[in-house]
Amino acid sequence: MPSNETKSRKWQVQLSALLVLWAVALPVHANPPFETDDPGVFPQGTGEAYLFSGGGFSEDGDSFDAAPGAEVNYSALPNTFFHLVVPLAYDRPAEGDAAYGLGDIELGLKWRFLSQDRHGVDVATFPLVELPTGSSSRGLGSRKTSFFLPIWLEKDWGPWTVYGGGGRWFMNDPGQRDWWFTGVLAQRQVTPALYLGGEVTHETAQGSARSSGGRRPRSLRARRPRGRRPGR
């Protein structure tokens, strides 16, 4: 992905076939490669844990934010789950030495405060914090803590599901600026093991991650699966 892409407004449309995945002790619906999240939470006392990998290539060099990364989500309280991502990052600039090591750790808490059963629509917030645990001098992380504050909504009609929302990334790295992400997704369950869906996303203008010595937030940078639609 060219580095100047982060300086421009960007629209993205994705279509995908979705297959059911099985997580730790819980069947969940997955929606890679979609970026839009949903308000789904895990039943209390359940969760998931898995490894993932993601990165990109550009004229400025190669950068992998999870090579690999480990993610754990667990619901200890009703209508919530705790979120932790610990990645190993890789950076190979066009000029200079390659680096590999701990990246920026991500923490989050999803809270669904409205449900379709009682209110006709699911609504949740999922604040994320990215801690600058990766070495910014080696290109493995940011120099400052960043925050994401979103709202996600969902409505189901028989085999159809529509969800979306968005939020603002609060960036504290020099050379970066706060920016917005929004997205909406529609999908249809075709069989018990197959979903078809389409997504439209939009990101506002951002600063250059590489020129500032920092990185874009991982959840939208590495294009890893999100919105895994846990069971109600």
C-alpha atoms as a PDB file:
ATOM      1  CA  MET A   1       0.000   0.000   0.000  1.00  0.00           C
ATOM      2  CA  PRO A   2       1.619   3.336  -0.991  1.00  0.00           C
ATOM      3  CA  SER A   3       2.590   5.483   1.941  1.00  0.00           C
ATOM      4  CA  ASN A   4       0.805   8.579   0.606  1.00  0.00           C
ATOM      5  CA  GLU A   5      -2.491   6.660   0.793  1.00  0.00           C
ATOM      6  CA  THR A   6      -2.703   7.507   4.482  1.00  0.00           C
ATOM      7  CA  LYS A   7      -2.791  11.210   3.549  1.00  0.00           C
ATOM      8  CA  SER A   8      -5.951  11.003   1.416  1.00  0.00           C
ATOM      9  CA  ARG A   9      -9.572  10.240   1.980  1.00  0.00           C
ATOM     10  CA  LYS A  10     -10.354   6.642   1.190  1.00  0.00           C
ATOM     11  CA  TRP A  11     -13.451   4.658   0.305  1.00  0.00           C
ATOM     12  CA  GLN A  12     -13.436   0.899   0.180  1.00  0.00           C
ATOM     13  CA  VAL A  13     -15.999  -1.645  -0.973  1.00  0.00           C
ATOM     14  CA  GLN A  14     -15.640  -5.344  -0.182  1.00  0.00           C
ATOM     15  CA  LEU A  15     -17.644  -8.426  -1.057  1.00  0.00           C
ATOM     16  CA  SER A  16     -17.013 -11.773   0.557  1.00  0.00           C
ATOM     17  CA  ALA A  17     -18.367 -15.226   1.277  1.00  0.00           C
ATOM     18  CA  LEU A  18     -18.427 -15.906   5.006  1.00  0.00           C
ATOM     19  CA  LEU A  19     -17.849 -19.329   6.526  1.00  0.00           C
ATOM     20  CA  VAL A  20     -18.655 -20.362  10.066  1.00  0.00           C
ATOM     21  CA  LEU A  21     -15.539 -20.629  12.271  1.00  0.00           C
ATOM     22  CA  TRP A  22     -15.222 -22.336  15.609  1.00  0.00           C
ATOM     23  CA  ALA A  23     -13.585 -20.496  18.514  1.00  0.00           C
ATOM     24  CA  VAL A  24     -12.684 -21.601  22.020  1.00  0.00           C
ATOM     25  CA  ALA A  25     -15.724 -23.415  23.471  1.00  0.00           C
ATOM     26  CA  LEU A  26     -18.109 -21.348  21.317  1.00  0.00           C
ATOM     27  CA  PRO A  27     -19.336 -21.427  17.706  1.00  0.00           C
ATOM     28  CA  VAL A  28     -19.203 -17.950  16.210  1.00  0.00           C
ATOM     29  CA  HIS A  29     -19.820 -16.408  12.806  1.00  0.00           C
ATOM     30  CA  ALA A  30     -16.804 -14.819  11.159  1.00  0.00           C
ATOM     31  CA  ASN A  31     -16.578 -12.151   8.490  1.00  0.00           C
ATOM     32  CA  PRO A  32     -13.069 -11.719   7.091  1.00  0.00           C
ATOM     33  CA  PRO A  33     -11.919  -9.634   5.319  1.00  0.00           C
ATOM     34  CA  PHE A  34     -14.429  -7.078   6.596  1.00  0.00           C
ATOM     35  CA  GLU A  35     -13.230  -4.174   8.737  1.00  0.00           C
ATOM     36  CA  THR A  36     -16.595  -3.062  10.127  1.00  0.00           C
ATOM     37  CA  ASP A  37     -17.335  -4.352  13.622  1.00  0.00           C
ATOM     38  CA  ASP A  38     -20.698  -5.295  15.123  1.00  0.00           C
ATOM     39  CA  PRO A  39     -22.209  -5.081  18.636  1.00  0.00           C
ATOM     40  CA  GLY A  40     -22.112  -8.839  19.274  1.00  0.00           C
ATOM     41  CA  VAL A  41     -20.776 -10.093  22.616  1.00  0.00           C
ATOM     42  CA  PHE A  42     -19.952 -13.539  23.961  1.00  0.00           C
ATOM     43  CA  PRO A  43     -22.175 -15.304  26.512  1.00  0.00           C
ATOM     44  CA  GLN A  44     -20.786 -14.800  29.994  1.00  0.00           C
ATOM     45  CA  GLY A  45     -17.982 -17.219  30.812  1.00  0.00           C
ATOM     46  CA  THR A  46     -17.003 -17.887  27.167  1.00  0.00           C
ATOM     47  CA  GLY A  47     -14.626 -16.367  24.643  1.00  0.00           C
ATOM     48  CA  GLU A  48     -12.039 -17.097  21.977  1.00  0.00           C
ATOM     49  CA  ALA A  49      -8.285 -17.144  21.448  1.00  0.00           C
ATOM     50  CA  TYR A  50      -6.381 -17.401  18.161  1.00  0.00           C
ATOM     51  CA  LEU A  51      -3.319 -16.363  16.179  1.00  0.00           C
ATOM     52  CA  PHE A  52      -3.432 -14.044  13.167  1.00  0.00           C
ATOM     53  CA  SER A  53      -1.050 -12.282  10.839  1.00  0.00           C
ATOM     54  CA  GLY A  54      -1.300  -9.127   8.759  1.00  0.00           C
ATOM     55  CA  GLY A  55       0.818  -6.506   7.037  1.00  0.00           C
ATOM     56  CA  GLY A  56       1.561  -4.832   3.754  1.00  0.00           C
ATOM     57  CA  PHE A  57       4.099  -3.898   1.123  1.00  0.00           C
ATOM     58  CA  SER A  58       4.840  -0.428  -0.240  1.00  0.00           C
ATOM     59  CA  GLU A  59       7.491   1.650  -1.988  1.00  0.00           C
ATOM     60  CA  ASP A  60       8.762   2.691   1.463  1.00  0.00           C
ATOM     61  CA  GLY A  61       9.310  -0.936   2.488  1.00  0.00           C
ATOM     62  CA  ASP A  62       7.493  -3.885   4.007  1.00  0.00           C
ATOM     63  CA  SER A  63       5.636  -3.702   7.311  1.00  0.00           C
ATOM     64  CA  PHE A  64       3.846  -6.461   9.235  1.00  0.00           C
ATOM     65  CA  ASP A  65       1.976  -5.470  12.367  1.00  0.00           C
ATOM     66  CA  ALA A  66       1.322  -9.059  13.399  1.00  0.00           C
ATOM     67  CA  ALA A  67       3.863 -11.668  12.404  1.00  0.00           C
ATOM     68  CA  PRO A  68       2.149 -13.309  14.117  1.00  0.00           C
ATOM     69  CA  GLY A  69      -0.147 -11.807  16.754  1.00  0.00           C
ATOM     70  CA  ALA A  70      -2.226 -13.419  19.496  1.00  0.00           C
ATOM     71  CA  GLU A  71      -5.738 -12.235  20.328  1.00  0.00           C
ATOM     72  CA  VAL A  72      -7.848 -13.189  23.347  1.00  0.00           C
ATOM     73  CA  ASN A  73     -11.462 -12.151  23.944  1.00  0.00           C
ATOM     74  CA  TYR A  74     -13.301 -13.234  27.087  1.00  0.00           C
ATOM     75  CA  SER A  75     -16.657 -12.369  28.663  1.00  0.00           C
ATOM     76  CA  ALA A  76     -16.430 -12.200  32.458  1.00  0.00           C
ATOM     77  CA  LEU A  77     -19.551 -10.017  32.851  1.00  0.00           C
ATOM     78  CA  PRO A  78     -22.954  -9.973  31.092  1.00  0.00           C
ATOM     79  CA  ASN A  79     -23.129  -8.062  27.777  1.00  0.00           C
ATOM     80  CA  THR A  80     -19.386  -7.396  27.742  1.00  0.00           C
ATOM     81  CA  PHE A  81     -16.079  -8.923  26.775  1.00  0.00           C
ATOM     82  CA  PHE A  82     -12.472  -8.006  27.440  1.00  0.00           C
ATOM     83  CA  HIS A  83     -10.032  -7.829  24.536  1.00  0.00           C
ATOM     84  CA  LEU A  84      -6.251  -8.270  24.360  1.00  0.00           C
ATOM     85  CA  VAL A  85      -3.893  -8.372  21.372  1.00  0.00           C
ATOM     86  CA  VAL A  86      -0.158  -9.031  21.734  1.00  0.00           C
ATOM     87  CA  PRO A  87       1.628  -8.850  18.359  1.00  0.00           C
ATOM     88  CA  LEU A  88       5.111  -9.470  17.049  1.00  0.00           C
ATOM     89  CA  ALA A  89       5.847  -6.767  14.477  1.00  0.00           C
ATOM     90  CA  TYR A  90       8.198  -6.751  11.483  1.00  0.00           C
ATOM     91  CA  ASP A  91       9.524  -3.736   9.596  1.00  0.00           C
ATOM     92  CA  ARG A  92      11.843  -3.664   6.585  1.00  0.00           C
ATOM     93  CA  PRO A  93      12.279  -0.123   5.253  1.00  0.00           C
ATOM     94  CA  ALA A  94      13.483   0.524   1.713  1.00  0.00           C
ATOM     95  CA  GLU A  95      16.686   1.889   3.267  1.00  0.00           C
ATOM     96  CA  GLY A  96      18.079   0.574   6.523  1.00  0.00           C
ATOM     97  CA  ASP A  97      17.980  -2.601   8.555  1.00  0.00           C
ATOM     98  CA  ALA A  98      14.970  -4.843   9.082  1.00  0.00           C
ATOM     99  CA  ALA A  99      13.562  -5.190  12.620  1.00  0.00           C
ATOM    100  CA  TYR A 100      11.436  -7.803  14.366  1.00  0.00           C
ATOM    101  CA  GLY A 101      10.052  -7.754  17.897  1.00  0.00           C
ATOM    102  CA  LEU A 102       7.158  -6.878  20.180  1.00  0.00           C
ATOM    103  CA  GLY A 103       4.635  -4.494  18.625  1.00  0.00           C
ATOM    104  CA  ASP A 104       2.029  -2.218  20.182  1.00  0.00           C
ATOM    105  CA  ILE A 105      -0.288  -4.070  22.580  1.00  0.00           C
ATOM    106  CA  GLU A 106      -4.023  -3.462  22.143  1.00  0.00           C
ATOM    107  CA  LEU A 107      -6.569  -3.500  24.991  1.00  0.00           C
ATOM    108  CA  GLY A 108     -10.333  -3.107  24.719  1.00  0.00           C
ATOM    109  CA  LEU A 109     -13.703  -3.621  26.349  1.00  0.00           C
ATOM    110  CA  LYS A 110     -16.903  -4.135  24.371  1.00  0.00           C
ATOM    111  CA  TRP A 111     -20.156  -3.251  26.134  1.00  0.00           C
ATOM    112  CA  ARG A 112     -23.563  -3.905  24.542  1.00  0.00           C
ATOM    113  CA  PHE A 113     -26.010  -1.582  26.284  1.00  0.00           C
ATOM    114  CA  LEU A 114     -29.063  -2.141  24.019  1.00  0.00           C
ATOM    115  CA  SER A 115     -30.272  -5.503  22.652  1.00  0.00           C
ATOM    116  CA  GLN A 116     -32.688  -6.507  19.911  1.00  0.00           C
ATOM    117  CA  ASP A 117     -34.649  -8.692  22.315  1.00  0.00           C
ATOM    118  CA  ARG A 118     -35.631  -5.693  24.446  1.00  0.00           C
ATOM    119  CA  HIS A 119     -35.011  -2.607  22.318  1.00  0.00           C
ATOM    120  CA  GLY A 120     -35.329  -3.788  18.703  1.00  0.00           C
ATOM    121  CA  VAL A 121     -31.681  -3.072  17.852  1.00  0.00           C
ATOM    122  CA  ASP A 122     -28.261  -4.054  19.214  1.00  0.00           C
ATOM    123  CA  VAL A 123     -26.026  -1.128  20.171  1.00  0.00           C
ATOM    124  CA  ALA A 124     -22.548  -1.391  21.682  1.00  0.00           C
ATOM    125  CA  THR A 125     -19.385   0.576  22.198  1.00  0.00           C
ATOM    126  CA  PHE A 126     -15.920  -0.965  21.915  1.00  0.00           C
ATOM    127  CA  PRO A 127     -13.188   1.447  23.097  1.00  0.00           C
ATOM    128  CA  LEU A 128      -9.655   0.377  22.165  1.00  0.00           C
ATOM    129  CA  VAL A 129      -6.322   1.497  23.557  1.00  0.00           C
ATOM    130  CA  GLU A 130      -3.047   0.859  21.728  1.00  0.00           C
ATOM    131  CA  LEU A 131      -0.076   1.043  24.062  1.00  0.00           C
ATOM    132  CA  PRO A 132       3.323   2.114  22.651  1.00  0.00           C
ATOM    133  CA  THR A 133       5.061  -1.109  23.664  1.00  0.00           C
ATOM    134  CA  GLY A 134       6.778  -1.542  20.276  1.00  0.00           C
ATOM    135  CA  SER A 135      10.041   0.257  19.531  1.00  0.00           C
ATOM    136  CA  SER A 136       9.250   3.328  17.429  1.00  0.00           C
ATOM    137  CA  SER A 137      12.943   3.861  16.628  1.00  0.00           C
ATOM    138  CA  ARG A 138      13.012   0.413  14.992  1.00  0.00           C
ATOM    139  CA  GLY A 139       9.674   0.914  13.204  1.00  0.00           C
ATOM    140  CA  LEU A 140       7.827  -1.617  15.366  1.00  0.00           C
ATOM    141  CA  GLY A 141       5.389   0.692  17.147  1.00  0.00           C
ATOM    142  CA  SER A 142       4.156   4.173  17.880  1.00  0.00           C
ATOM    143  CA  ARG A 143       5.670   6.709  20.241  1.00  0.00           C
ATOM    144  CA  LYS A 144       2.407   7.618  21.960  1.00  0.00           C
ATOM    145  CA  THR A 145      -0.745   5.852  23.154  1.00  0.00           C
ATOM    146  CA  SER A 146      -3.691   6.003  20.733  1.00  0.00           C
ATOM    147  CA  PHE A 147      -7.411   5.536  21.426  1.00  0.00           C
ATOM    148  CA  PHE A 148     -10.431   4.452  19.375  1.00  0.00           C
ATOM    149  CA  LEU A 149     -13.957   5.319  20.536  1.00  0.00           C
ATOM    150  CA  PRO A 150     -16.713   3.780  18.313  1.00  0.00           C
ATOM    151  CA  ILE A 151     -20.426   2.983  18.354  1.00  0.00           C
ATOM    152  CA  TRP A 152     -21.699  -0.182  16.581  1.00  0.00           C
ATOM    153  CA  LEU A 153     -25.313  -1.072  15.708  1.00  0.00           C
ATOM    154  CA  GLU A 154     -27.018  -4.177  14.305  1.00  0.00           C
ATOM    155  CA  LYS A 155     -30.458  -5.216  13.068  1.00  0.00           C
ATOM    156  CA  ASP A 156     -31.517  -8.700  11.936  1.00  0.00           C
ATOM    157  CA  TRP A 157     -34.403  -9.628   9.616  1.00  0.00           C
ATOM    158  CA  GLY A 158     -34.668 -13.385   9.175  1.00  0.00           C
ATOM    159  CA  PRO A 159     -31.609 -14.503   7.161  1.00  0.00           C
ATOM    160  CA  TRP A 160     -30.511 -10.867   6.647  1.00  0.00           C
ATOM    161  CA  THR A 161     -28.229  -8.898   8.961  1.00  0.00           C
ATOM    162  CA  VAL A 162     -27.166  -5.268   8.675  1.00  0.00           C
ATOM    163  CA  TYR A 163     -24.620  -3.753  11.027  1.00  0.00           C
ATOM    164  CA  GLY A 164     -22.248  -0.825  11.088  1.00  0.00           C
ATOM    165  CA  GLY A 165     -21.221   2.379  12.750  1.00  0.00           C
ATOM    166  CA  GLY A 166     -17.870   3.968  13.322  1.00  0.00           C
ATOM    167  CA  GLY A 167     -15.712   6.056  15.569  1.00  0.00           C
ATOM    168  CA  ARG A 168     -12.743   8.346  15.945  1.00  0.00           C
ATOM    169  CA  TRP A 169      -9.095   7.419  16.406  1.00  0.00           C
ATOM    170  CA  PHE A 170      -7.331   9.818  18.760  1.00  0.00           C
ATOM    171  CA  MET A 171      -3.683   9.913  17.708  1.00  0.00           C
ATOM    172  CA  ASN A 172      -0.939  11.443  19.837  1.00  0.00           C
ATOM    173  CA  ASP A 173       2.069  10.646  17.653  1.00  0.00           C
ATOM    174  CA  PRO A 174       3.831  13.679  16.102  1.00  0.00           C
ATOM    175  CA  GLY A 175       3.039  13.869  12.391  1.00  0.00           C
ATOM    176  CA  GLN A 176      -0.285  12.026  12.780  1.00  0.00           C
ATOM    177  CA  ARG A 177      -3.765  13.450  13.259  1.00  0.00           C
ATOM    178  CA  ASP A 178      -7.048  12.192  14.614  1.00  0.00           C
ATOM    179  CA  TRP A 179      -9.232  10.466  12.025  1.00  0.00           C
ATOM    180  CA  TRP A 180     -12.612   8.793  11.594  1.00  0.00           C
ATOM    181  CA  PHE A 181     -13.592   5.327  10.435  1.00  0.00           C
ATOM    182  CA  THR A 182     -17.152   4.449   9.375  1.00  0.00           C
ATOM    183  CA  GLY A 183     -18.560   1.325   7.781  1.00  0.00           C
ATOM    184  CA  VAL A 184     -21.775  -0.523   7.014  1.00  0.00           C
ATOM    185  CA  LEU A 185     -22.218  -4.174   6.074  1.00  0.00           C
ATOM    186  CA  ALA A 186     -25.130  -6.288   4.848  1.00  0.00           C
ATOM    187  CA  GLN A 187     -24.997 -10.075   4.787  1.00  0.00           C
ATOM    188  CA  ARG A 188     -27.344 -12.983   4.184  1.00  0.00           C
ATOM    189  CA  GLN A 189     -27.168 -16.494   5.605  1.00  0.00           C
ATOM    190  CA  VAL A 190     -27.378 -18.831   2.610  1.00  0.00           C
ATOM    191  CA  THR A 191     -26.771 -22.121   4.427  1.00  0.00           C
ATOM    192  CA  PRO A 192     -25.894 -22.954   8.045  1.00  0.00           C
ATOM    193  CA  ALA A 193     -22.212 -22.758   7.038  1.00  0.00           C
ATOM    194  CA  LEU A 194     -22.225 -19.996   4.388  1.00  0.00           C
ATOM    195  CA  TYR A 195     -22.814 -16.227   4.552  1.00  0.00           C
ATOM    196  CA  LEU A 196     -22.674 -13.743   1.654  1.00  0.00           C
ATOM    197  CA  GLY A 197     -22.045 -10.102   2.445  1.00  0.00           C
ATOM    198  CA  GLY A 198     -20.923  -6.733   1.172  1.00  0.00           C
ATOM    199  CA  GLU A 199     -19.305  -3.801   2.970  1.00  0.00           C
ATOM    200  CA  VAL A 200     -18.656  -0.102   2.371  1.00  0.00           C
ATOM    201  CA  THR A 201     -16.113   1.735   4.546  1.00  0.00           C
ATOM    202  CA  HIS A 202     -14.723   5.254   4.698  1.00  0.00           C
ATOM    203  CA  GLU A 203     -11.642   6.690   6.409  1.00  0.00           C
ATOM    204  CA  THR A 204     -10.879  10.393   6.739  1.00  0.00           C
ATOM    205  CA  ALA A 205      -7.463  11.876   6.020  1.00  0.00           C
ATOM    206  CA  GLN A 206      -4.592  10.762   8.216  1.00  0.00           C
ATOM    207  CA  GLY A 207      -0.955  11.660   8.751  1.00  0.00           C
ATOM    208  CA  SER A 208       1.915   9.607   7.382  1.00  0.00           C
ATOM    209  CA  ALA A 209       2.784   6.804   9.796  1.00  0.00           C
ATOM    210  CA  ARG A 210       6.279   6.075   8.504  1.00  0.00           C
ATOM    211  CA  SER A 211       7.360   9.722   8.255  1.00  0.00           C
ATOM    212  CA  SER A 212       6.308  10.369  11.858  1.00  0.00           C
ATOM    213  CA  GLY A 213       8.097   7.317  13.214  1.00  0.00           C
ATOM    214  CA  GLY A 214       4.798   5.812  14.302  1.00  0.00           C
ATOM    215  CA  ARG A 215       2.194   3.447  12.885  1.00  0.00           C
ATOM    216  CA  ARG A 216      -1.472   3.483  12.072  1.00  0.00           C
ATOM    217  CA  PRO A 217      -3.693   1.705  14.617  1.00  0.00           C
ATOM    218  CA  ARG A 218      -3.497  -2.046  14.087  1.00  0.00           C
ATOM    219  CA  SER A 219      -7.196  -2.846  13.924  1.00  0.00           C
ATOM    220  CA  LEU A 220      -7.611  -0.974  10.631  1.00  0.00           C
ATOM    221  CA  ARG A 221      -4.032  -1.145   9.479  1.00  0.00           C
ATOM    222  CA  ALA A 222      -3.375  -4.872   9.346  1.00  0.00           C
ATOM    223  CA  ARG A 223      -6.800  -5.713   7.832  1.00  0.00           C
ATOM    224  CA  ARG A 224      -7.299  -8.562  10.252  1.00  0.00           C
ATOM    225  CA  PRO A 225     -10.823  -9.989  10.669  1.00  0.00           C
ATOM    226  CA  ARG A 226     -13.159  -8.029  12.896  1.00  0.00           C
ATOM    227  CA  GLY A 227     -16.846  -8.188  13.787  1.00  0.00           C
ATOM    228  CA  ARG A 228     -16.844 -11.917  14.470  1.00  0.00           C
ATOM    229  CA  ARG A 229     -20.506 -11.915  15.472  1.00  0.00           C
ATOM    230  CA  PRO A 230     -20.429 -13.828  18.761  1.00  0.00           C
ATOM    231  CA  GLY A 231     -23.644 -15.552  19.806  1.00  0.00           C
ATOM    232  CA  ARG A 232     -26.223 -13.617  21.824  1.00  0.00           C
END
